[in-house]
Protein backbone atom coordinates (compact mmCIF):
# COMPACT_ATOMS: atom_id res chain seq x y z
CA UNK A 1 62.77 113.25 85.94
CA UNK A 2 59.66 111.04 86.62
CA UNK A 3 58.10 112.20 90.68
CA UNK A 4 56.11 109.44 91.36
CA UNK A 5 54.53 108.49 94.78
CA UNK A 6 55.64 105.35 96.15
CA UNK A 7 52.98 102.98 95.14
CA UNK A 8 53.16 99.27 93.79
CA UNK A 9 53.29 100.07 89.83
CA UNK A 10 55.28 103.15 90.80
CA UNK A 11 58.06 100.89 92.27
CA UNK A 12 58.07 98.39 89.19
CA UNK A 13 58.27 101.45 86.89
CA UNK A 14 61.37 102.49 88.97
CA UNK A 15 62.77 98.87 89.04
CA UNK A 16 62.54 98.67 85.48
CA UNK A 17 64.72 101.85 84.84
CA UNK A 18 67.42 100.50 87.22
CA UNK A 19 67.71 97.72 84.91
CA UNK A 20 67.67 99.49 81.96
CA UNK A 21 70.48 101.47 83.90
CA UNK A 22 69.05 104.13 85.18
CA UNK A 23 69.06 106.19 88.39
CA UNK A 24 66.13 105.80 90.97
CA UNK A 25 65.80 107.84 94.23
CA UNK A 26 63.82 106.05 97.06
CA UNK A 27 63.42 106.20 100.75
CA UNK A 28 64.84 103.90 103.42
CA UNK A 29 64.22 104.14 106.98
CA UNK A 30 67.40 105.99 107.53
CA UNK A 31 67.49 108.87 104.71
CA UNK A 32 66.49 109.00 101.21
CA UNK A 33 68.99 107.33 98.74
CA UNK A 34 70.15 107.75 94.96
CA UNK A 35 69.99 104.18 93.41
CA UNK A 36 71.34 102.29 90.12
CA UNK A 37 72.33 98.78 89.29
CA UNK A 38 75.84 98.12 91.64
CA UNK A 39 77.28 95.66 89.03
CA UNK A 40 76.69 97.93 86.17
CA UNK A 41 79.89 100.43 86.13
CA UNK A 42 78.19 103.25 83.70
CA UNK A 43 75.03 103.33 85.70
CA UNK A 44 77.09 103.49 88.90
CA UNK A 45 79.15 106.68 87.25
CA UNK A 46 76.35 108.05 86.41
CA UNK A 47 75.33 108.34 90.41
CA UNK A 48 78.75 109.90 91.01
CA UNK A 49 77.98 112.60 88.19
CA UNK A 50 74.36 113.40 89.50
CA UNK A 51 75.79 114.22 92.96
CA UNK A 52 79.21 115.21 91.93
CA UNK A 53 80.71 112.76 94.42
CA UNK A 54 84.31 112.30 94.14
CA UNK A 55 85.13 108.67 93.02
CA UNK A 56 87.56 108.02 95.91
CA UNK A 57 84.16 107.80 98.72
CA UNK A 58 82.87 104.29 98.25
CA UNK A 59 79.13 103.57 97.73
CA UNK A 60 76.75 101.44 100.21
CA UNK A 61 74.94 98.37 98.23
CA UNK A 62 71.60 97.47 99.27
CA UNK A 63 70.63 94.01 98.78
CA UNK A 64 67.47 92.47 99.86
CA UNK A 65 68.93 88.93 101.19
CA UNK A 66 71.48 87.27 103.15
CA UNK A 67 72.11 85.44 99.83
CA UNK A 68 72.48 88.35 97.78
CA UNK A 69 75.25 89.65 100.08
CA UNK A 70 77.26 86.24 99.95
CA UNK A 71 77.07 87.18 96.21
CA UNK A 72 78.92 89.94 96.69
CA UNK A 73 81.72 89.39 99.47
CA UNK A 74 83.25 86.71 101.84
CA UNK A 75 80.70 86.79 104.62
CA UNK A 76 82.34 84.81 107.89
CA UNK A 77 79.93 83.43 110.24
CA UNK A 78 80.18 86.47 112.56
CA UNK A 79 79.07 88.26 109.91
CA UNK A 80 76.57 86.34 109.26
CA UNK A 81 74.95 86.28 112.52
CA UNK A 82 75.08 90.28 112.62
CA UNK A 83 73.16 90.36 109.62
CA UNK A 84 70.58 87.88 111.16
CA UNK A 85 70.19 90.18 114.08
CA UNK A 86 70.11 93.19 112.46
CA UNK A 87 68.88 93.02 108.94
CA UNK A 88 67.01 94.55 107.52
CA UNK A 89 67.75 97.61 109.42
CA UNK A 90 70.43 100.73 109.79
CA UNK A 91 73.39 98.53 110.04
CA UNK A 92 76.01 98.84 107.13
CA UNK A 93 78.93 95.88 107.01
CA UNK A 94 82.08 96.56 105.33
CA UNK A 95 83.30 93.25 104.22
CA UNK A 96 85.83 91.61 101.61
CA UNK A 97 84.76 91.72 98.36
CA UNK A 98 84.32 89.48 95.49
CA UNK A 99 85.63 90.21 92.10
CA UNK A 100 82.10 90.99 90.40
CA UNK A 101 81.97 94.20 92.36
CA UNK A 102 83.21 96.95 90.22
CA UNK A 103 85.84 99.20 91.58
CA UNK A 104 84.31 102.28 90.93
CA UNK A 105 81.30 100.95 93.52
CA UNK A 106 84.25 100.49 96.26
CA UNK A 107 86.77 103.47 95.20
CA UNK A 108 89.04 100.66 94.46
CA UNK A 109 89.34 99.00 98.00
CA UNK A 110 89.07 95.41 98.68
CA UNK A 111 85.96 95.56 100.60
CA UNK A 112 82.35 96.59 99.84
CA UNK A 113 79.67 97.91 101.88
CA UNK A 114 76.42 96.48 102.15
CA UNK A 115 72.80 96.95 103.99
CA UNK A 116 69.63 95.64 103.67
CA UNK A 117 67.28 98.36 104.54
CA UNK A 118 63.80 98.13 106.29
CA UNK A 119 61.75 100.33 104.49
CA UNK A 120 59.47 98.14 102.60
CA UNK A 121 59.66 100.27 99.33
CA UNK A 122 63.33 100.00 99.41
CA UNK A 123 62.91 96.25 99.73
CA UNK A 124 60.48 95.96 96.96
CA UNK A 125 62.22 98.23 94.93
CA UNK A 126 65.79 95.65 94.95
CA UNK A 127 63.39 93.11 94.46
CA UNK A 128 62.03 93.81 91.72
CA UNK A 129 64.70 95.37 90.23
CA UNK A 130 66.71 91.86 90.62
CA UNK A 131 70.03 93.06 91.02
CA UNK A 132 71.89 95.02 94.30
CA UNK A 133 71.34 98.41 94.30
CA UNK A 134 74.33 100.70 95.26
CA UNK A 135 72.88 104.09 96.88
CA UNK A 136 74.40 106.84 98.55
CA UNK A 137 72.49 109.38 100.15
CA UNK A 138 70.34 111.34 97.49
CA UNK A 139 71.87 114.67 97.93
CA UNK A 140 74.86 116.63 96.50
CA UNK A 141 78.14 115.88 98.05
CA UNK A 142 78.76 116.90 101.36
CA UNK A 143 75.64 118.49 101.84
CA UNK A 144 73.23 117.55 103.99
CA UNK A 145 70.78 114.43 103.69
CA UNK A 146 67.49 114.15 102.37
CA UNK A 147 64.79 113.04 104.88
CA UNK A 148 61.81 113.58 102.27
CA UNK A 149 61.54 113.56 98.52
CA UNK A 150 61.13 116.86 98.27
CA UNK A 151 64.81 117.28 99.65
CA UNK A 152 66.35 115.14 97.20
CA UNK A 153 64.81 116.78 93.96
CA UNK A 154 65.75 120.24 95.47
CA UNK A 155 69.63 119.36 95.57
CA UNK A 156 69.75 116.79 92.84
CA UNK A 157 67.13 119.28 90.30
CA UNK A 158 66.81 116.81 86.83
CA UNK A 159 69.18 114.36 87.49
CA UNK A 160 67.50 111.30 88.53
CA UNK A 161 65.26 109.10 86.29
CA UNK A 162 62.65 108.64 88.94
CA UNK A 163 62.07 110.00 92.21
CA UNK A 164 59.96 107.68 94.63
CA UNK A 165 57.84 109.59 97.06
CA UNK A 166 57.45 107.60 100.35
CA UNK A 167 57.33 110.41 102.98
CA UNK A 168 59.43 111.32 105.76
CA UNK A 169 61.90 108.93 106.60
CA UNK A 170 61.62 107.02 109.97
CA UNK A 171 65.33 106.83 111.49
CA UNK A 172 66.33 110.49 109.66
CA UNK A 173 70.23 109.60 110.27
CA UNK A 174 72.36 107.32 108.38
CA UNK A 175 73.22 103.39 109.15
CA UNK A 176 75.87 102.69 111.46
CA UNK A 177 79.12 101.43 109.45
CA UNK A 178 80.97 98.83 110.99
CA UNK A 179 84.26 97.01 109.67
CA UNK A 180 84.61 93.09 109.51
CA UNK A 181 88.12 93.17 108.56
CA UNK A 182 90.92 91.22 110.68
CA UNK A 183 90.30 89.89 113.91
CA UNK A 184 88.19 92.62 115.90
CA UNK A 185 85.32 94.87 114.39
CA UNK A 186 85.59 98.78 114.30
CA UNK A 187 82.92 101.15 113.73
CA UNK A 188 83.71 103.28 110.78
CA UNK A 189 80.33 105.84 111.58
CA UNK A 190 77.43 105.88 114.11
CA UNK A 191 74.50 105.77 113.19
CA UNK A 192 70.56 104.71 113.00
CA UNK A 193 71.61 101.69 115.30
CA UNK A 194 73.06 102.74 118.35
CA UNK A 195 76.87 101.82 119.35
CA UNK A 196 75.22 100.16 122.73
CA UNK A 197 72.74 97.98 120.61
CA UNK A 198 75.96 96.80 118.52
CA UNK A 199 78.38 96.14 121.13
CA UNK A 200 75.61 94.06 123.01
CA UNK A 201 76.07 91.56 119.83
CA UNK A 202 80.06 92.20 119.45
CA UNK A 203 81.51 93.09 122.75
CA UNK A 204 83.45 96.33 122.61
CA UNK A 205 84.60 97.68 119.33
CA UNK A 206 87.65 99.28 118.13
CA UNK A 207 87.68 102.68 116.82
CA UNK A 208 87.41 103.06 113.06
CA UNK A 209 90.21 104.43 111.26
CA UNK A 210 90.20 108.46 110.16
CA UNK A 211 88.85 108.93 106.87
CA UNK A 212 91.84 109.89 105.20
CA UNK A 213 92.10 109.87 101.39
CA UNK A 214 90.69 106.57 100.58
CA UNK A 215 87.93 106.01 103.33
CA UNK A 216 86.51 102.66 104.03
CA UNK A 217 82.84 104.22 104.57
CA UNK A 218 80.94 107.25 103.42
CA UNK A 219 80.03 110.02 105.80
CA UNK A 220 84.24 109.90 107.01
CA UNK A 221 85.10 112.95 105.86
CA UNK A 222 85.76 116.36 108.16
CA UNK A 223 83.44 118.21 106.37
CA UNK A 224 80.19 116.84 105.45
CA UNK A 225 76.59 117.15 106.34
CA UNK A 226 76.77 120.69 105.70
CA UNK A 227 73.77 123.42 104.94
CA UNK A 228 74.34 126.38 102.83
CA UNK A 229 74.53 128.67 105.33
CA UNK A 230 77.84 128.09 108.27
CA UNK A 231 76.98 125.83 110.89
CA UNK A 232 78.34 126.51 114.55
CA UNK A 233 78.48 124.11 116.97
CA UNK A 234 78.20 125.85 120.41
CA UNK A 235 80.75 124.81 123.45
CA UNK A 236 81.58 126.26 126.22
CA UNK A 237 83.03 129.44 124.79
CA UNK A 238 80.60 132.06 124.64
CA UNK A 239 79.55 133.19 121.39
CA UNK A 240 80.06 136.28 119.44
CA UNK A 241 77.42 137.72 117.41
CA UNK A 242 78.60 139.74 114.30
CA UNK A 243 76.59 142.69 113.05
CA UNK A 244 74.76 142.34 109.70
CA UNK A 245 74.46 138.34 109.83
CA UNK A 246 71.19 136.41 109.91
CA UNK A 247 71.54 133.95 112.84
CA UNK A 248 69.24 130.59 112.77
CA UNK A 249 69.40 128.19 115.76
CA UNK A 250 69.07 124.22 116.59
CA UNK A 251 67.80 123.94 119.95
CA UNK A 252 67.87 120.39 121.41
CA UNK A 253 65.00 120.79 123.95
CA UNK A 254 63.79 124.20 124.06
CA UNK A 255 64.15 127.72 122.46
CA UNK A 256 66.84 130.23 123.31
CA UNK A 257 66.04 133.33 125.27
CA UNK A 258 68.13 134.81 122.50
CA UNK A 259 66.18 137.18 120.17
CA UNK A 260 66.53 134.69 117.32
CA UNK A 261 63.71 134.86 115.07
CA UNK A 262 64.82 131.36 113.06
CA UNK A 263 65.03 128.57 115.47
CA UNK A 264 64.16 125.11 115.52
CA UNK A 265 64.02 122.59 118.31
CA UNK A 266 64.95 118.73 117.87
CA UNK A 267 62.98 117.47 120.97
CA UNK A 268 60.68 119.36 123.78
CA UNK A 269 61.05 115.83 125.60
CA UNK A 270 64.69 115.53 125.20
CA UNK A 271 64.11 112.23 123.05
CA UNK A 272 67.27 111.19 121.28
CA UNK A 273 65.32 109.53 118.89
CA UNK A 274 63.03 112.11 117.86
CA UNK A 275 66.09 114.54 117.65
CA UNK A 276 67.70 112.38 115.03
CA UNK A 277 64.19 111.76 112.70
CA UNK A 278 64.13 115.31 112.88
CA UNK A 279 67.34 116.72 112.58
CA UNK A 280 68.04 117.01 108.83
CA UNK A 281 64.66 118.14 107.87
CA UNK A 282 65.34 121.10 110.90
CA UNK A 283 68.70 121.88 109.12
CA UNK A 284 66.97 121.94 105.99
CA UNK A 285 64.29 124.57 107.41
CA UNK A 286 66.88 126.70 108.90
CA UNK A 287 68.79 126.84 105.48
CA UNK A 288 66.03 127.88 103.44
CA UNK A 289 65.09 130.55 105.71
CA UNK A 290 68.11 132.20 104.27
CA UNK A 291 70.09 132.72 107.37
CA UNK A 292 73.89 132.85 107.09
CA UNK A 293 74.98 131.33 110.14
CA UNK A 294 73.26 128.04 112.06
CA UNK A 295 73.95 128.08 115.93
CA UNK A 296 73.57 124.33 117.05
CA UNK A 297 73.24 123.10 120.60
CA UNK A 298 75.25 119.95 121.40
CA UNK A 299 73.11 116.97 122.50
CA UNK A 300 73.99 114.12 124.90
CA UNK A 301 76.35 111.66 123.36
CA UNK A 302 74.95 108.71 124.24
CA UNK A 303 72.65 106.23 121.83
CA UNK A 304 71.71 107.92 118.91
CA UNK A 305 73.23 111.23 120.16
CA UNK A 306 76.34 109.77 118.86
CA UNK A 307 75.02 109.89 115.40
CA UNK A 308 73.55 113.35 115.80
CA UNK A 309 76.69 115.07 117.00
CA UNK A 310 78.95 113.33 114.54
CA UNK A 311 76.62 114.87 111.65
CA UNK A 312 76.98 118.43 113.43
CA UNK A 313 80.62 118.09 113.93
CA UNK A 314 81.30 117.56 110.22
CA UNK A 315 78.69 119.94 109.48
CA UNK A 316 80.60 122.56 111.31
CA UNK A 317 83.96 120.86 109.70
CA UNK A 318 85.18 119.20 112.55
CA UNK A 319 86.24 115.80 112.91
CA UNK A 320 84.42 113.74 115.50
CA UNK A 321 86.85 112.62 118.34
C-alpha cells in the first residue's frame, strides 16, 4: 500500500494502478471512496474483499462526463437534464444499465448507480484512468464513513494499493441517491444534495422502497454507518445511565449539562451544513476515545438534517421512517 499526498504526480500514479486492476482510496466532496476499474470484474471483486462487503449491495460508479455515463446506462432526457443541473456534485442517479456493466457492480440488478464527483482530485483520477471507477465509501462495510484519508487507512489497513490524501472532505455525508425508473422519480437515500434542492428540479419525489434483500442503492440497510461503540439516538424518553459504562455525547449546538467528559458539538451556530461536514469526524473521535456508548442528539429534519438523521438512525440500527 502506498500513501500519497494528492499531487498531480500522485494522481497519475494512482490512475495507472486502476488501469492495471488495482484499488485506490481517493477523496470526493462527500466522503472518501475505494475505487477500481468498474469494467474489470476482478478489480471490482477486490473492493468487496477489502471492505468485507456483501455482494448483494450495489456499488456507485463514478464518471467524469455525461458521455461516459451514457456508455453505461440508458439516459432519458429527464436524467440528462438532472445531470446537467447537478453534476458534478453529490447526486447519484440510478438508471437502467447497459450490458457492458458487470453484474458484480450492480449486484445483479437491471440498474446502475452513477455519479460525477465535484472534487478535482476525483475527477482528475477518473479522467487519467480512462475508465469509469466503481467506488463505495472507503471503510469497512457498515462502519463509519471516512472523511479523511487517515480514517480510511485505519479501517482498511493495507488493503488498497494506493491511498490519495486530499485533506478533509467538504460535505461530509454521502451523495443523495435518486431512482429514475418508471414514471416517477424516487429518493433512495438522503445525502449531500438536499431533498428541497432536488424537488425544485423534479417536483415531489416518491418515497424509495425499503432496502430489503437486494437494495437498489448502498446505505439502505437498517444497520449502517456504525461506530464501534453502541450509538443511542436520544428522543423524548429519559435515558437511563448504567454503572460501569463510559459515555460519549454528540450534541447539535452545545455541550450537555451532564457530566460527560467525551463530548462533541456538531455546530455551535446551528448550521446543518457545518453539522454534516463534521458528523463522521466527531463520531470517529468519540469512538477513538474508547467510550462504550455514544449518546446522540437529534437535529432538525430539514435540508442536510435529513441526511444527518438518516445516518444517525441507521448507526443506531433503526431504519429511517
